[in-house]
Protein backbone atom coordinates (compact mmCIF):
# COMPACT_ATOMS: atom_id res chain seq x y z
CA MET A 1 52.78 -11.40 -84.79
CA ARG A 2 50.78 -8.32 -84.47
CA ALA A 3 47.84 -9.95 -82.74
CA SER A 4 50.02 -11.86 -80.34
CA HIS A 5 51.50 -8.07 -79.61
CA ASP A 6 48.60 -6.36 -79.45
CA ARG A 7 47.18 -8.77 -76.82
CA LYS A 8 50.69 -8.79 -74.71
CA ALA A 9 50.18 -4.62 -75.03
CA ALA A 10 46.80 -5.25 -73.56
CA VAL A 11 47.80 -7.32 -70.70
CA THR A 12 49.87 -4.56 -69.34
CA ALA A 13 48.01 -2.07 -69.81
CA TYR A 14 45.73 -3.57 -67.69
CA SER A 15 47.93 -5.00 -64.78
CA LEU A 16 49.55 -1.20 -64.75
CA VAL A 17 45.70 -0.14 -64.65
CA LYS A 18 45.00 -2.75 -62.41
CA ASN A 19 48.17 -2.49 -59.88
CA LYS A 20 47.14 1.59 -60.07
CA ASP A 21 44.03 1.12 -59.05
CA THR A 22 44.94 -1.36 -56.00
CA SER A 23 47.45 1.30 -55.34
CA LEU A 24 44.53 4.16 -55.12
CA ARG A 25 42.62 1.73 -52.88
CA LEU A 26 44.78 0.97 -50.24
CA ARG A 27 45.85 4.88 -50.25
CA TYR A 28 42.08 5.76 -50.14
CA VAL A 29 41.94 3.14 -47.47
CA ALA A 30 44.67 3.95 -45.75
CA ASN A 31 44.08 7.61 -45.60
CA THR A 32 40.04 7.01 -44.45
CA PHE A 33 39.91 4.20 -42.15
CA PRO A 34 40.77 6.65 -38.63
CA ARG A 35 37.86 9.35 -39.89
CA GLN A 36 35.60 5.73 -40.38
CA LEU A 37 36.69 4.41 -36.99
CA LEU A 38 36.06 7.54 -35.42
CA ILE A 39 32.59 7.17 -36.81
CA PHE A 40 32.10 3.78 -35.55
CA PHE A 41 32.70 4.24 -31.93
CA PHE A 42 30.69 7.44 -31.87
CA LEU A 43 28.30 5.47 -33.31
CA TYR A 44 28.78 2.72 -30.80
CA ALA A 45 28.86 5.21 -28.04
CA ILE A 46 25.37 6.67 -29.00
CA THR A 47 23.40 3.14 -29.47
CA SER A 48 25.04 2.29 -26.25
CA THR A 49 23.85 5.42 -24.14
CA ILE A 50 20.27 4.60 -26.20
CA LEU A 51 19.98 1.57 -24.01
CA GLN A 52 21.12 2.36 -21.06
CA VAL A 53 18.85 5.03 -20.71
CA ALA A 54 16.10 2.86 -22.13
CA THR A 55 16.65 0.01 -19.99
CA ALA A 56 17.16 3.04 -16.87
CA LEU A 57 13.44 3.68 -17.63
CA ALA A 58 11.94 0.31 -18.11
CA ASN A 59 13.42 -1.10 -14.38
CA HIS A 60 11.92 2.79 -13.12
CA SER A 61 8.60 1.95 -14.78
CA SER A 62 8.95 -1.68 -13.73
CA ARG A 63 9.50 -0.67 -9.88
CA GLN A 64 6.73 1.93 -9.93
CA ASN A 65 4.19 -0.64 -11.19
CA ARG A 66 5.22 -3.42 -8.87
CA GLN A 67 6.66 -1.69 -5.58
CA LYS A 68 4.67 0.61 -3.25
CA LEU A 69 6.18 3.72 -1.05
CA ARG A 70 9.80 2.50 0.67
CA PRO A 71 9.55 3.67 4.17
CA LEU A 72 11.16 7.16 5.26
CA SER A 73 14.20 5.65 6.75
CA GLN A 74 15.30 4.14 3.14
CA ARG A 75 14.40 6.90 0.76
CA ARG A 76 16.81 10.04 0.46
CA LEU A 77 16.43 13.44 1.85
CA LYS A 78 14.98 15.00 -1.13
CA ASP A 79 12.20 11.58 -1.59
CA LEU A 80 10.78 12.39 2.12
CA LEU A 81 8.13 15.01 0.65
CA GLN A 82 6.92 12.11 -2.08
CA ILE A 83 3.59 11.93 -1.12
CA GLU A 84 3.31 15.46 0.15
CA GLN A 85 4.47 16.70 -3.12
CA ASP A 86 1.46 14.51 -5.20
CA LEU A 87 -0.86 16.04 -3.12
CA TRP A 88 0.54 19.43 -3.78
CA LYS A 89 -0.85 19.35 -7.55
CA THR A 90 -4.40 19.17 -6.09
CA TYR A 91 -4.02 20.69 -2.35
CA SER A 92 -2.83 23.65 -1.20
CA TYR A 93 -1.63 22.37 2.04
CA ILE A 94 -0.72 18.99 3.85
CA ILE A 95 -2.17 18.15 7.01
CA GLY A 96 -0.79 15.39 8.94
CA SER A 97 -1.46 13.44 12.68
CA ASP A 98 -0.44 10.86 14.71
CA ASP A 99 -1.41 9.99 17.79
CA SER A 100 0.94 8.30 21.10
CA GLY A 101 -0.35 6.30 23.77
CA GLY A 102 -2.55 4.43 22.12
CA GLY A 103 -1.46 1.19 23.63
CA CYS A 104 -1.05 1.84 27.36
CA ILE A 105 -2.56 1.15 30.44
CA ALA A 106 -2.00 4.33 32.20
CA GLY A 107 -2.05 7.81 31.33
CA PRO A 108 -3.49 9.88 28.27
CA ILE A 109 -3.73 9.70 24.32
CA VAL A 110 -2.07 12.54 22.78
CA THR A 111 -2.67 13.44 19.21
CA ALA A 112 -0.71 15.94 17.18
CA SER A 113 -1.19 17.41 13.83
CA VAL A 114 1.21 19.27 11.60
CA CYS A 115 1.35 21.15 8.04
CA LEU A 116 4.28 22.23 6.44
CA LEU A 117 4.07 25.78 5.47
CA GLN A 118 7.06 25.62 3.46
CA PRO A 119 8.19 22.35 2.07
CA VAL A 120 11.40 21.48 3.59
CA THR A 121 12.48 18.44 5.14
CA LEU A 122 14.75 17.53 7.95
CA PRO A 123 16.88 14.61 8.34
CA GLY A 124 16.16 11.89 10.80
CA VAL A 125 12.53 12.32 11.13
CA ALA A 126 10.37 9.11 10.78
CA ASP A 127 8.40 7.20 12.71
CA SER A 128 8.82 8.52 16.50
CA LYS A 129 9.47 4.88 17.46
CA LEU A 130 12.36 4.70 15.74
CA VAL A 131 13.59 7.99 16.62
CA ASN A 132 16.17 8.04 19.87
CA SER A 133 14.72 10.56 22.59
CA GLU A 134 17.82 13.25 21.78
CA LEU A 135 16.66 13.90 18.24
CA ARG A 136 13.03 13.56 19.07
CA GLN A 137 13.33 16.74 21.45
CA GLN A 138 15.82 18.40 18.91
CA VAL A 139 12.87 17.99 15.91
CA TYR A 140 10.75 19.19 18.75
CA GLN A 141 12.66 21.85 19.67
CA HIS A 142 13.10 23.05 15.86
CA VAL A 143 9.60 22.61 15.11
CA CYS A 144 8.49 25.29 17.97
CA ASP A 145 11.58 27.43 16.92
CA ASN A 146 10.34 27.98 13.55
CA PRO A 147 6.47 29.33 12.82
CA GLN A 148 7.10 30.29 10.03
CA THR A 149 7.72 27.15 8.17
CA TYR A 150 5.80 24.75 10.74
CA ALA A 151 2.10 24.61 11.91
CA TRP A 152 0.86 22.65 14.45
CA THR A 153 -1.56 22.00 17.16
CA TYR A 154 -2.02 19.07 19.34
CA ALA A 155 -5.01 17.56 21.65
CA ILE A 156 -5.03 15.51 24.95
CA ARG A 157 -7.66 12.70 26.37
CA ASP A 158 -6.96 11.84 30.01
CA ASN A 159 -7.22 8.26 31.33
CA GLN A 160 -10.77 9.28 32.89
CA GLN A 161 -12.09 10.26 29.39
CA ILE A 162 -10.64 7.09 27.76
CA ASP A 163 -12.47 4.83 30.65
CA VAL A 164 -15.59 7.19 29.63
CA LEU A 165 -15.37 6.67 25.48
CA GLY A 166 -13.46 3.86 24.96
CA VAL A 167 -9.51 3.77 23.61
CA HIS A 168 -10.91 3.96 19.27
CA ALA A 169 -12.84 7.16 20.27
CA ALA A 170 -11.39 8.97 22.77
CA CYS A 171 -8.24 9.09 19.91
CA MET A 172 -10.75 9.80 17.18
CA SER A 173 -12.16 12.63 19.20
CA ALA A 174 -8.55 14.19 19.33
CA PHE A 175 -7.50 13.82 15.97
CA THR A 176 -11.25 15.54 15.28
CA GLU A 177 -9.59 18.48 18.10
CA SER A 178 -6.45 18.78 16.99
CA ILE A 179 -6.94 18.69 13.05
CA GLN A 180 -9.73 20.93 12.75
CA THR A 181 -8.42 23.58 15.68
CA LEU A 182 -5.23 23.36 13.13
CA ALA A 183 -7.39 23.91 9.96
CA THR A 184 -8.35 27.44 11.51
CA HIS A 185 -4.63 28.71 11.58
CA GLU A 186 -4.61 32.04 9.51
CA ALA A 187 -1.97 31.05 6.84
CA PHE A 188 -4.86 28.87 5.87
CA GLN A 189 -7.62 31.18 5.01
CA GLU A 190 -9.36 30.50 1.81
CA LYS A 191 -6.71 27.89 1.32
CA SER A 192 -7.66 24.19 0.04
CA LEU A 193 -6.65 21.69 2.75
CA TYR A 194 -6.30 17.45 2.87
CA SER A 195 -5.67 15.32 5.82
CA ILE A 196 -3.78 11.84 6.60
CA VAL A 197 -4.35 10.63 9.46
CA ASP A 198 -2.19 7.35 10.78
CA GLY A 199 -4.15 4.18 11.05
CA LYS A 200 -7.07 2.64 9.84
CA ARG A 201 -9.90 5.30 10.38
CA SER A 202 -9.73 8.85 9.74
CA PRO A 203 -12.52 10.99 12.03
CA ALA A 204 -15.66 10.98 10.51
CA GLN A 205 -16.49 14.80 11.70
CA LEU A 206 -13.72 16.64 10.10
CA VAL A 207 -14.52 19.47 8.03
CA ILE A 208 -11.90 19.54 5.30
CA PRO A 209 -11.44 15.47 2.51
CA SER A 210 -8.91 13.25 4.70
CA ARG A 211 -7.72 10.11 4.37
CA PRO A 212 -6.12 7.26 7.42
CA TRP A 213 -2.99 5.58 6.48
CA THR A 214 -2.23 2.40 7.73
CA GLN A 215 1.25 2.61 8.84
CA GLY A 216 1.53 6.28 7.76
CA ASP A 217 4.15 7.34 10.32
CA GLN A 218 6.83 5.41 8.16
CA CYS A 219 5.51 6.30 4.83
CA VAL A 220 4.28 10.24 4.93
CA TYR A 221 6.75 12.40 6.00
CA THR A 222 4.21 15.12 7.80
CA VAL A 223 2.58 11.95 9.58
CA ALA A 224 5.86 10.93 10.92
CA LEU A 225 6.83 14.29 12.18
CA ALA A 226 3.39 14.71 14.02
CA SER A 227 4.18 11.19 15.89
CA ILE A 228 7.66 12.43 17.05
CA LEU A 229 5.53 15.80 18.13
CA ALA A 230 2.87 13.73 19.95
CA ARG A 231 5.92 11.51 21.49
CA VAL A 232 7.14 14.79 22.54
CA VAL A 233 4.18 16.25 24.12
CA ARG A 234 3.25 13.24 25.74
CA ASP A 235 6.49 11.92 27.56
CA GLN A 236 6.88 15.66 28.84
CA LEU A 237 3.21 14.40 30.60
CA VAL A 238 4.64 10.87 31.51
CA GLN A 239 7.86 13.24 33.62
CA GLN A 240 5.07 15.05 35.53
CA ALA A 241 3.30 11.94 36.47
CA ALA A 242 6.21 10.15 37.53
CA ALA A 243 6.96 13.16 39.91
CA THR A 244 3.65 13.06 41.06
CA PHE A 245 3.57 8.69 41.49
CA PRO A 246 7.11 7.75 42.22
CA ASP A 247 6.69 4.06 42.98
CA TYR A 248 4.94 3.63 39.79
CA ALA A 249 8.20 4.50 37.99
CA PHE A 250 6.17 5.87 34.62
CA ALA A 251 9.47 7.41 33.71
CA GLU A 252 10.65 4.17 32.93
CA HIS A 253 7.92 2.48 30.75
CA GLY A 254 5.32 6.00 30.05
CA GLY A 255 1.93 3.77 31.13
CA TYR A 256 2.84 0.86 28.51
CA PRO A 257 2.45 -2.69 29.87
CA THR A 258 6.01 -3.95 30.04
CA SER A 259 6.96 -6.42 32.79
CA HIS A 260 7.77 -4.22 35.34
CA HIS A 261 5.14 -2.30 34.83
CA LEU A 262 3.04 -4.96 35.75
CA ASN A 263 5.17 -6.19 38.72
CA ILE A 264 4.07 -2.69 40.53
CA LEU A 265 0.79 -3.22 39.57
CA ASN A 266 0.95 -6.07 41.32
CA GLN A 267 2.51 -5.13 44.33
CA LEU A 268 0.75 -1.73 44.64
CA GLY A 269 -2.43 -1.66 42.74
CA PRO A 270 -3.36 1.09 40.13
CA CYS A 271 -3.35 4.68 40.73
CA ALA A 272 -5.10 7.37 39.47
CA TRP A 273 -3.55 7.53 36.44
CA HIS A 274 -4.29 4.31 35.24
CA ARG A 275 -6.76 3.33 32.92
CA THR A 276 -9.39 1.25 34.66
CA THR A 277 -10.98 -0.04 31.75
CA THR A 278 -8.18 -1.80 30.40
CA LYS A 279 -7.58 -5.48 31.23
CA PRO A 280 -4.55 -5.51 33.16
CA VAL A 281 -5.51 -2.68 35.66
CA GLN A 282 -9.26 -4.63 35.57
CA ALA A 283 -7.57 -7.76 37.05
CA ARG A 284 -5.67 -5.95 39.57
CA LEU A 285 -8.98 -4.24 40.78
CA GLY A 286 -10.37 -7.69 41.01
CA LEU A 287 -13.02 -7.30 38.95
CA SER A 288 -14.38 -10.73 36.94
CA ARG A 289 -13.65 -11.54 33.49
CA GLN A 290 -17.41 -11.33 32.73
CA GLN A 291 -17.30 -7.59 34.26
CA PHE A 292 -14.45 -6.76 32.29
CA LEU A 293 -16.41 -7.80 29.08
CA ASN A 294 -18.92 -5.66 29.76
CA GLY A 295 -17.24 -2.83 31.37
CA ALA A 296 -14.63 -2.21 28.28
CA LEU A 297 -15.99 -0.70 25.07
CA PHE A 298 -12.81 -1.81 23.49
CA VAL A 299 -13.31 -5.47 23.73
CA SER A 300 -16.44 -5.04 21.99
CA LEU A 301 -14.62 -3.32 19.09
CA SER A 302 -12.00 -5.45 19.07
CA LEU A 303 -13.99 -8.17 18.24
CA SER A 304 -13.96 -6.71 14.36
CA LEU A 305 -10.77 -6.22 14.04
CA PRO A 306 -8.36 -9.76 12.33
CA GLN A 307 -5.61 -10.66 14.82
CA ARG A 308 -2.46 -8.71 13.58
CA SER A 309 0.38 -10.74 11.98
CA GLU A 310 3.36 -11.71 14.22
CA ALA A 311 5.64 -12.26 11.54
CA THR A 312 9.18 -11.18 12.23
CA TYR A 313 10.31 -11.18 9.06
CA MET A 314 9.70 -7.92 6.72
CA ASP A 315 9.37 -7.67 2.55
CA LYS A 316 12.14 -5.66 1.32
CA LYS A 317 10.41 -3.83 -1.17
CA THR A 318 7.39 -2.87 0.84
CA GLY A 319 8.75 -2.35 4.60
CA ILE A 320 5.66 -4.82 5.45
CA SER A 321 5.64 -7.64 7.28
CA PHE A 322 5.60 -11.01 5.52
CA PRO A 323 2.72 -13.96 6.64
CA GLU A 324 4.04 -16.36 8.81
CA LYS A 325 3.00 -19.82 7.12
CA GLY A 326 -0.73 -20.58 8.46
CA GLU A 327 -1.72 -17.04 9.20
CA ILE A 328 -3.48 -15.87 6.11
CA ALA A 329 -5.96 -19.04 6.46
CA ALA A 330 -6.75 -17.92 10.53
CA ALA A 331 -7.58 -14.36 8.89
CA ILE A 332 -11.11 -15.19 8.09
CA PRO A 333 -13.39 -15.55 11.21
CA GLN A 334 -14.89 -18.98 11.21
CA ASP A 335 -17.99 -17.19 12.90
CA TRP A 336 -19.25 -14.05 11.56
CA ILE A 337 -21.96 -13.74 14.22
CA ASN A 338 -19.91 -11.19 16.30
CA VAL A 339 -17.86 -9.88 13.12
CA GLU A 340 -19.11 -5.81 12.84
CA ASN A 341 -18.89 -4.37 9.78
CA PRO A 342 -15.51 -2.53 9.84
CA PHE A 343 -16.00 0.07 6.90
CA SER A 344 -17.94 2.38 8.70
CA SER A 345 -16.38 5.94 6.76
CA SER A 346 -15.97 6.99 3.47
CA SER A 347 -12.63 8.06 3.91
CA ASP A 348 -11.42 4.03 4.03
CA PHE A 349 -11.74 4.05 0.17
CA GLN A 350 -10.25 7.82 -0.95
CA ARG A 351 -7.18 7.65 -2.81
CA LEU A 352 -4.41 9.87 -3.57
CA ASP A 353 -5.18 9.68 -6.89
CA SER A 354 -8.53 11.06 -7.22
CA LYS A 355 -8.62 11.72 -11.03
CA PRO A 356 -10.75 9.68 -13.08
CA ASP A 357 -9.75 6.12 -13.47
CA GLU A 358 -10.23 6.64 -17.60
CA GLN A 359 -7.30 8.59 -17.61
CA PHE A 360 -5.04 6.51 -16.03
CA TYR A 361 -5.55 3.49 -17.99
CA GLN A 362 -6.10 5.27 -20.90
CA ILE A 363 -2.60 3.80 -21.72
CA PRO A 364 -2.38 -0.34 -22.24
CA ARG A 365 0.31 -1.63 -19.84
CA PHE A 366 1.33 -4.75 -21.69
CA VAL A 367 3.21 -5.68 -17.93
CA GLU A 368 2.69 -8.02 -15.07
CA HIS A 369 2.76 -6.84 -11.46
CA ILE A 370 4.57 -9.87 -9.91
CA ASP A 371 7.19 -11.35 -10.70
CA GLU A 372 7.75 -14.51 -12.90
CA ALA A 373 7.62 -17.64 -10.55
CA ALA A 374 4.05 -15.68 -9.03
CA VAL A 375 2.86 -15.54 -12.64
CA GLN A 376 3.02 -18.75 -12.95
CA ARG A 377 1.13 -19.79 -9.48
CA LEU A 378 -1.41 -17.60 -10.19
CA THR A 379 -1.99 -19.29 -13.78
CA SER A 380 -2.00 -23.01 -12.18
CA TYR A 381 -4.49 -21.45 -9.92
CA VAL A 382 -7.03 -19.98 -11.63
CA SER A 383 -6.53 -23.04 -14.40
CA SER A 384 -7.41 -25.50 -11.67
CA VAL A 385 -10.59 -23.59 -10.70
CA ALA A 386 -12.12 -22.04 -13.70
CA LYS A 387 -15.28 -23.79 -14.55
CA GLY A 388 -18.21 -23.36 -17.10
CA ASN A 389 -19.16 -19.89 -17.87
CA ILE A 390 -16.04 -17.26 -16.68
CA LEU A 391 -16.31 -13.58 -15.91
CA ASP A 392 -12.92 -12.25 -15.76
CA LEU A 393 -13.61 -8.73 -13.65
CA CYS A 394 -10.89 -5.95 -14.11
CA SER A 395 -9.12 -7.69 -16.94
CA SER A 396 -6.58 -7.34 -18.94
CA TRP A 397 -4.39 -8.00 -21.50
CA THR A 398 -4.30 -11.61 -19.90
CA SER A 399 -6.31 -13.73 -17.66
CA HIS A 400 -3.88 -16.24 -16.83
CA LEU A 401 -5.56 -19.03 -17.96
CA ASP A 402 -4.02 -22.06 -19.70
CA PRO A 403 -4.74 -22.01 -23.01
CA THR A 404 -6.29 -25.82 -22.91
CA ILE A 405 -8.93 -24.25 -20.85
CA THR A 406 -9.77 -21.47 -22.59
CA LYS A 407 -10.71 -24.07 -25.96
CA ALA A 408 -13.95 -25.37 -22.85
CA VAL A 409 -15.44 -22.50 -21.38
CA ARG A 410 -16.71 -19.58 -22.50
CA VAL A 411 -14.40 -16.44 -20.64
CA VAL A 412 -15.92 -12.89 -20.69
CA GLY A 413 -13.82 -10.00 -19.83
CA LEU A 414 -14.73 -6.48 -18.19
CA GLY A 415 -11.91 -4.03 -18.17
CA MET A 416 -10.22 -0.59 -18.60
CA ASN A 417 -8.68 -0.32 -21.82
CA ALA A 418 -9.98 -1.89 -24.75
CA GLN A 419 -6.53 -2.28 -26.16
CA GLU A 420 -5.42 -4.58 -23.61
CA LEU A 421 -8.87 -6.74 -23.89
CA LYS A 422 -8.81 -7.01 -27.52
CA ALA A 423 -5.40 -8.52 -27.18
CA ASN A 424 -6.48 -10.78 -24.51
CA PRO A 425 -6.50 -14.24 -26.15
CA SER A 426 -8.63 -15.94 -23.82
CA LEU A 427 -11.82 -13.56 -23.69
CA SER A 428 -15.01 -14.70 -25.92
CA ASP A 429 -15.84 -11.06 -25.86
CA TYR A 430 -15.70 -8.48 -23.07
CA THR A 431 -17.08 -4.88 -22.14
CA VAL A 432 -14.86 -1.26 -21.17
CA GLN A 433 -16.24 -0.28 -17.75
CA ASP A 434 -15.33 1.50 -15.16
CA LEU A 435 -16.26 0.02 -12.17
CA ASN A 436 -15.47 2.91 -10.06
CA GLN A 437 -17.58 4.72 -11.70
CA LYS A 438 -20.68 2.24 -12.44
CA PRO A 439 -20.34 -0.91 -10.36
CA THR A 440 -23.47 -2.21 -11.74
CA LEU A 441 -22.42 -5.18 -14.26
CA PRO A 442 -23.75 -5.73 -17.62
CA TYR A 443 -25.12 -9.16 -17.07
CA ALA A 444 -28.08 -10.77 -16.21
CA ASP A 445 -28.73 -13.15 -13.03
CA ALA A 446 -26.78 -15.99 -12.68
CA THR A 447 -25.12 -16.04 -15.39
CA PHE A 448 -21.89 -17.40 -14.47
CA ASP A 449 -20.49 -20.58 -12.80
CA THR A 450 -16.74 -18.55 -12.40
CA VAL A 451 -16.25 -15.78 -11.59
CA LEU A 452 -12.28 -14.07 -11.25
CA CYS A 453 -10.72 -11.02 -9.68
CA GLN A 454 -6.93 -10.88 -10.46
CA LEU A 455 -4.33 -8.37 -8.79
CA SER A 456 -7.20 -5.22 -8.68
CA ILE A 457 -9.15 -5.50 -5.61
CA ASP A 458 -7.14 -3.03 -4.05
CA TYR A 459 -8.13 -0.13 -6.37
CA LEU A 460 -11.71 -0.66 -6.02
CA THR A 461 -13.08 2.11 -4.69
CA GLN A 462 -16.96 1.08 -4.21
CA PRO A 463 -15.93 -2.72 -3.35
CA LEU A 464 -19.16 -3.69 -1.34
CA GLN A 465 -21.52 -2.72 -4.48
CA VAL A 466 -19.21 -4.56 -7.15
CA CYS A 467 -19.05 -7.68 -4.83
CA GLN A 468 -23.40 -7.77 -4.31
CA GLU A 469 -23.24 -7.96 -8.16
CA ILE A 470 -20.84 -10.75 -8.18
CA GLY A 471 -23.50 -12.10 -6.14
CA ARG A 472 -25.93 -11.57 -8.11
CA VAL A 473 -24.35 -13.05 -11.82
CA ILE A 474 -23.44 -15.76 -10.36
CA LYS A 475 -25.08 -19.18 -10.25
CA SER A 476 -25.63 -20.71 -7.02
CA GLY A 477 -23.12 -23.02 -5.94
CA GLY A 478 -20.93 -21.40 -8.16
CA THR A 479 -17.38 -19.80 -6.84
CA VAL A 480 -15.77 -16.28 -6.55
CA HIS A 481 -11.88 -16.43 -6.85
CA ILE A 482 -10.34 -12.82 -5.61
CA LEU A 483 -6.65 -12.93 -6.04
CA PHE A 484 -4.42 -9.98 -4.56
CA SER A 485 -0.82 -9.78 -3.77
CA ASN A 486 1.28 -6.18 -2.24
CA ARG A 487 2.81 -4.95 -5.38
CA LEU A 488 -0.01 -2.40 -6.33
CA PHE A 489 0.47 1.33 -7.73
CA LEU A 490 0.54 3.04 -4.63
CA GLN A 491 -1.34 6.18 -5.68
CA LYS A 492 -5.02 4.47 -7.07
CA ALA A 493 -4.77 1.99 -3.81
CA VAL A 494 -7.55 3.05 -1.54
CA ALA A 495 -6.56 4.15 2.09
CA ILE A 496 -7.91 0.89 3.85
CA TRP A 497 -5.52 -1.33 1.78
CA THR A 498 -2.58 1.08 1.96
CA GLY A 499 0.51 0.45 4.57
CA ALA A 500 -1.32 -2.72 5.72
CA ASP A 501 -0.09 -5.86 5.95
CA ASP A 502 -1.37 -9.18 3.91
CA VAL A 503 -3.01 -10.83 6.80
CA ASP A 504 -5.21 -7.74 7.05
CA HIS A 505 -5.67 -7.58 3.15
CA ALA A 506 -6.84 -11.12 4.02
CA TYR A 507 -9.26 -10.33 6.46
CA THR A 508 -10.31 -6.96 4.03
CA VAL A 509 -11.47 -8.73 0.89
CA ALA A 510 -13.45 -11.44 3.21
CA CYS A 511 -15.40 -8.79 4.76
CA TYR A 512 -15.97 -7.27 1.77
CA LEU A 513 -17.65 -10.74 0.43
CA HIS A 514 -19.38 -11.12 3.68
CA PHE A 515 -20.73 -7.79 4.02
CA SER A 516 -22.14 -6.85 0.16
CA GLN A 517 -24.78 -9.04 1.22
CA GLY A 518 -23.96 -11.51 -2.30
CA GLY A 519 -24.97 -14.60 -0.45
CA PHE A 520 -21.25 -15.76 -0.23
CA LYS A 521 -20.95 -18.74 1.63
CA SER A 522 -17.27 -20.52 2.95
CA ILE A 523 -15.56 -17.70 2.52
CA GLN A 524 -11.79 -18.43 2.92
CA ALA A 525 -8.50 -17.51 2.28
CA ILE A 526 -5.27 -19.40 0.79
CA ASP A 527 -1.63 -18.68 0.76
CA LEU A 528 -0.22 -19.12 -2.68
CA SER A 529 3.25 -17.79 -2.07
CA ALA A 530 5.90 -19.61 -2.88
CA ARG A 531 8.37 -20.94 0.46
CA ASP A 532 11.61 -22.15 1.09
CA ARG A 533 12.52 -24.67 3.35
CA ASN A 534 12.45 -22.23 6.28
CA GLU A 535 9.05 -21.64 5.94
CA LYS A 536 9.61 -18.22 4.39
CA ILE A 537 8.13 -16.30 2.17
CA THR A 538 10.18 -16.05 -1.45
CA GLY A 539 9.65 -13.50 -4.02
CA ASP A 540 6.80 -11.73 -4.68
CA PRO A 541 3.85 -12.89 -2.39
CA LEU A 542 0.50 -14.45 -3.59
CA TYR A 543 -3.13 -14.89 -1.89
CA VAL A 544 -6.62 -15.26 -2.98
CA VAL A 545 -9.66 -15.21 -0.81
CA THR A 546 -12.48 -17.45 -2.21
CA ALA A 547 -16.56 -17.91 -1.58
CA ARG A 548 -18.88 -20.27 -2.82
CA LYS A 549 -22.71 -18.81 -3.70
CA GLY A 550 -25.02 -20.18 -1.53
């Protein structure tokens, strides 16, 4: 009985302790639950914020990797001086230059050069063709009224000088005058200057560093400002001509070959303000086609230039015209006999960021610079043409080769970052080398059957030398394939590439191969871009220029 009583007492005591413990736990939970809930939401908020910041940084980095500079008209006011701010890290002042009247058949060419003495911007400044006359006049007056903020000048080449020199030479002469005159401004004494000129060429005789920028008036603020100033100065001259030659309606067409202007020419013939070496004026002077060809300097110059794209729709990421179907292939000359070497100036291969590439590439970038669909098309094409011993120039962490291909071939990589090259599963071996510093390839003659260069041709500052080296190391009958898009690191792309459209890019790469003297034959371009049922490009564009070693 005693034992049974003891057991009951023990059970009762345990039950009391258990109930007391449960009560304490409930009271503890009741007291601490709000605090735990607060801590939970606090940690959740911190984690969410960190993820949002990381995502934003990743998206910003991706945009920087893949997009070119947005047009001025699409940028916020504080971002208008993006190019100038980058250059101000190296140079004291930046001079922007543009011309007006180059496409006219009457009147002068006017170039204007302008420099910001203070980092200020005006809303509405863009390519003068996109700005109405009232706003152009306001901008012009503001610049004239504020010499402490703006330094600028202009140069004029009249129609007679254009007839003697040709349009291109006259324009370069005027650019040289306006830039070098501005460079003597008192504010620039013992200061470093840099010049950006709208177009494909920068004057060769300049005493300061300079580079051309295709469509610079759409991307570079000071160039856009110069385009407005040049336009207003020329418009003033047009108004004077309109008063002198009232029957020609110069105030309406400005000397451009509009249908109205051509109708007037048909009725009255040319006046003293017309350029006699332009085709419409020549035709109305009664000269034969052969006489016109013999007499007009600019015709022979135009033989070396590709036909411009007539695309009517734009790439929303770059503001550059997309090519219509077939335009990329048509950009490559079938007969190179009459094609002149277009690379006449070292300024063609200058870059905004002139620092050594080893600084830029010292950090590995395991990213793609085109979208996934374009990567798939790139991989499909590269895998289909890869044969024998393969050299992957400007290689990185991927060669875009199907794994089944790399088992049957030997792939050698040459690139800038050892970590990226080491991570590339396709490479049999690799070499780290900066082709912009040392374009000579470290391989014996006739070593490779296939040479690839993927999405990097726009960064090469010595592309002719590199292509000549490709011709040396590739076997007779071997093929080279240079693939490109218009997604790039803007600061590292060479001047001849930035701002140009994709048709020009294809022509430029073809000229690299032809004029490198690398012995290339059958140069052609292929449009690998995805297109919708209306034959418009969708997603990131992709192209290749290919050739065979003769």
